[in-house]
């Protein structure tokens, strides 16, 4: 290889390294921004009380049946 080819390869490697470093810094900043962003709570009307109480009753019945089987 000629000296120009070595210089070109070294320049490409250096530019690639700088690009990757800057890209990783940018990704890290975006990740930190996403972590620091508060998570919004679901709307009050999103879960109906009727379905929640039915689910809870079903889970309680299953637990009681499981306890009965274990005895």
C-alpha atoms as a PDB file:
ATOM      1  CA  UNK A   1       0.000   0.000   0.000  1.00  0.00           C
ATOM      2  CA  UNK A   2       1.133   3.483  -0.676  1.00  0.00           C
ATOM      3  CA  UNK A   3       1.410   6.183   1.918  1.00  0.00           C
ATOM      4  CA  UNK A   4      -1.682   7.921   0.550  1.00  0.00           C
ATOM      5  CA  UNK A   5      -3.750   4.775   1.016  1.00  0.00           C
ATOM      6  CA  UNK A   6      -2.592   4.508   4.656  1.00  0.00           C
ATOM      7  CA  UNK A   7      -3.433   8.154   5.279  1.00  0.00           C
ATOM      8  CA  UNK A   8      -6.847   7.697   3.715  1.00  0.00           C
ATOM      9  CA  UNK A   9      -7.583   4.598   5.831  1.00  0.00           C
ATOM     10  CA  UNK A  10      -6.401   6.335   8.997  1.00  0.00           C
ATOM     11  CA  UNK A  11      -8.531   9.384   8.211  1.00  0.00           C
ATOM     12  CA  UNK A  12     -11.595   7.208   7.596  1.00  0.00           C
ATOM     13  CA  UNK A  13     -10.970   5.338  10.862  1.00  0.00           C
ATOM     14  CA  UNK A  14     -10.598   8.590  12.801  1.00  0.00           C
ATOM     15  CA  UNK A  15     -13.745  10.126  11.324  1.00  0.00           C
ATOM     16  CA  UNK A  16     -15.680   6.909  11.999  1.00  0.00           C
ATOM     17  CA  UNK A  17     -14.485   6.836  15.604  1.00  0.00           C
ATOM     18  CA  UNK A  18     -15.527  10.453  16.177  1.00  0.00           C
ATOM     19  CA  UNK A  19     -18.893   9.835  14.529  1.00  0.00           C
ATOM     20  CA  UNK A  20     -19.554   6.772  16.703  1.00  0.00           C
ATOM     21  CA  UNK A  21     -18.535   8.673  19.839  1.00  0.00           C
ATOM     22  CA  UNK A  22     -20.854  11.578  19.043  1.00  0.00           C
ATOM     23  CA  UNK A  23     -23.657   9.182  18.162  1.00  0.00           C
ATOM     24  CA  UNK A  24     -23.282   7.308  21.478  1.00  0.00           C
ATOM     25  CA  UNK A  25     -23.317  10.605  23.386  1.00  0.00           C
ATOM     26  CA  UNK A  26     -26.483  11.657  21.581  1.00  0.00           C
ATOM     27  CA  UNK A  27     -28.167   8.313  22.327  1.00  0.00           C
ATOM     28  CA  UNK A  28     -27.150   8.589  25.970  1.00  0.00           C
ATOM     29  CA  UNK A  29     -28.666  12.067  26.227  1.00  0.00           C
ATOM     30  CA  UNK A  30     -31.898  10.858  24.628  1.00  0.00           C
ATOM     31  CA  UNK A  31     -32.056   7.931  27.052  1.00  0.00           C
ATOM     32  CA  UNK A  32     -31.501  10.219  30.030  1.00  0.00           C
ATOM     33  CA  UNK A  33     -34.210  12.579  28.775  1.00  0.00           C
ATOM     34  CA  UNK A  34     -36.634   9.669  28.409  1.00  0.00           C
ATOM     35  CA  UNK A  35     -35.893   8.462  31.948  1.00  0.00           C
ATOM     36  CA  UNK A  36     -36.328  11.910  33.480  1.00  0.00           C
ATOM     37  CA  UNK A  37     -39.633  12.507  31.690  1.00  0.00           C
ATOM     38  CA  UNK A  38     -42.528  11.886  34.122  1.00  0.00           C
ATOM     39  CA  UNK A  39     -44.901   9.100  33.239  1.00  0.00           C
ATOM     40  CA  UNK A  40     -48.457  10.322  32.964  1.00  0.00           C
ATOM     41  CA  UNK A  41     -51.117   8.463  34.899  1.00  0.00           C
ATOM     42  CA  UNK A  42     -53.994   6.971  32.959  1.00  0.00           C
ATOM     43  CA  UNK A  43     -57.197   8.931  32.845  1.00  0.00           C
ATOM     44  CA  UNK A  44     -59.606   8.352  35.720  1.00  0.00           C
ATOM     45  CA  UNK A  45     -62.309   7.027  33.423  1.00  0.00           C
ATOM     46  CA  UNK A  46     -59.920   4.659  31.593  1.00  0.00           C
ATOM     47  CA  UNK A  47     -60.730   1.687  33.859  1.00  0.00           C
ATOM     48  CA  UNK A  48     -64.333   1.126  34.728  1.00  0.00           C
ATOM     49  CA  UNK A  49     -65.070   0.220  38.313  1.00  0.00           C
ATOM     50  CA  UNK A  50     -67.551  -2.394  37.142  1.00  0.00           C
ATOM     51  CA  UNK A  51     -64.939  -4.404  35.256  1.00  0.00           C
ATOM     52  CA  UNK A  52     -62.348  -3.944  38.004  1.00  0.00           C
ATOM     53  CA  UNK A  53     -64.673  -5.275  40.694  1.00  0.00           C
ATOM     54  CA  UNK A  54     -65.681  -8.213  38.456  1.00  0.00           C
ATOM     55  CA  UNK A  55     -62.034  -9.082  37.862  1.00  0.00           C
ATOM     56  CA  UNK A  56     -61.284  -8.864  41.562  1.00  0.00           C
ATOM     57  CA  UNK A  57     -64.235 -11.114  42.397  1.00  0.00           C
ATOM     58  CA  UNK A  58     -63.080 -13.654  39.821  1.00  0.00           C
ATOM     59  CA  UNK A  59     -59.549 -13.667  41.204  1.00  0.00           C
ATOM     60  CA  UNK A  60     -60.867 -14.095  44.734  1.00  0.00           C
ATOM     61  CA  UNK A  61     -63.049 -17.041  43.648  1.00  0.00           C
ATOM     62  CA  UNK A  62     -60.074 -18.677  41.946  1.00  0.00           C
ATOM     63  CA  UNK A  63     -57.978 -18.247  45.059  1.00  0.00           C
ATOM     64  CA  UNK A  64     -60.683 -19.813  47.204  1.00  0.00           C
ATOM     65  CA  UNK A  65     -60.996 -22.746  44.802  1.00  0.00           C
ATOM     66  CA  UNK A  66     -57.230 -23.253  44.830  1.00  0.00           C
ATOM     67  CA  UNK A  67     -57.178 -23.250  48.623  1.00  0.00           C
ATOM     68  CA  UNK A  68     -59.991 -25.808  48.684  1.00  0.00           C
ATOM     69  CA  UNK A  69     -58.100 -28.093  46.289  1.00  0.00           C
ATOM     70  CA  UNK A  70     -54.958 -27.919  48.420  1.00  0.00           C
ATOM     71  CA  UNK A  71     -56.729 -29.225  51.553  1.00  0.00           C
END
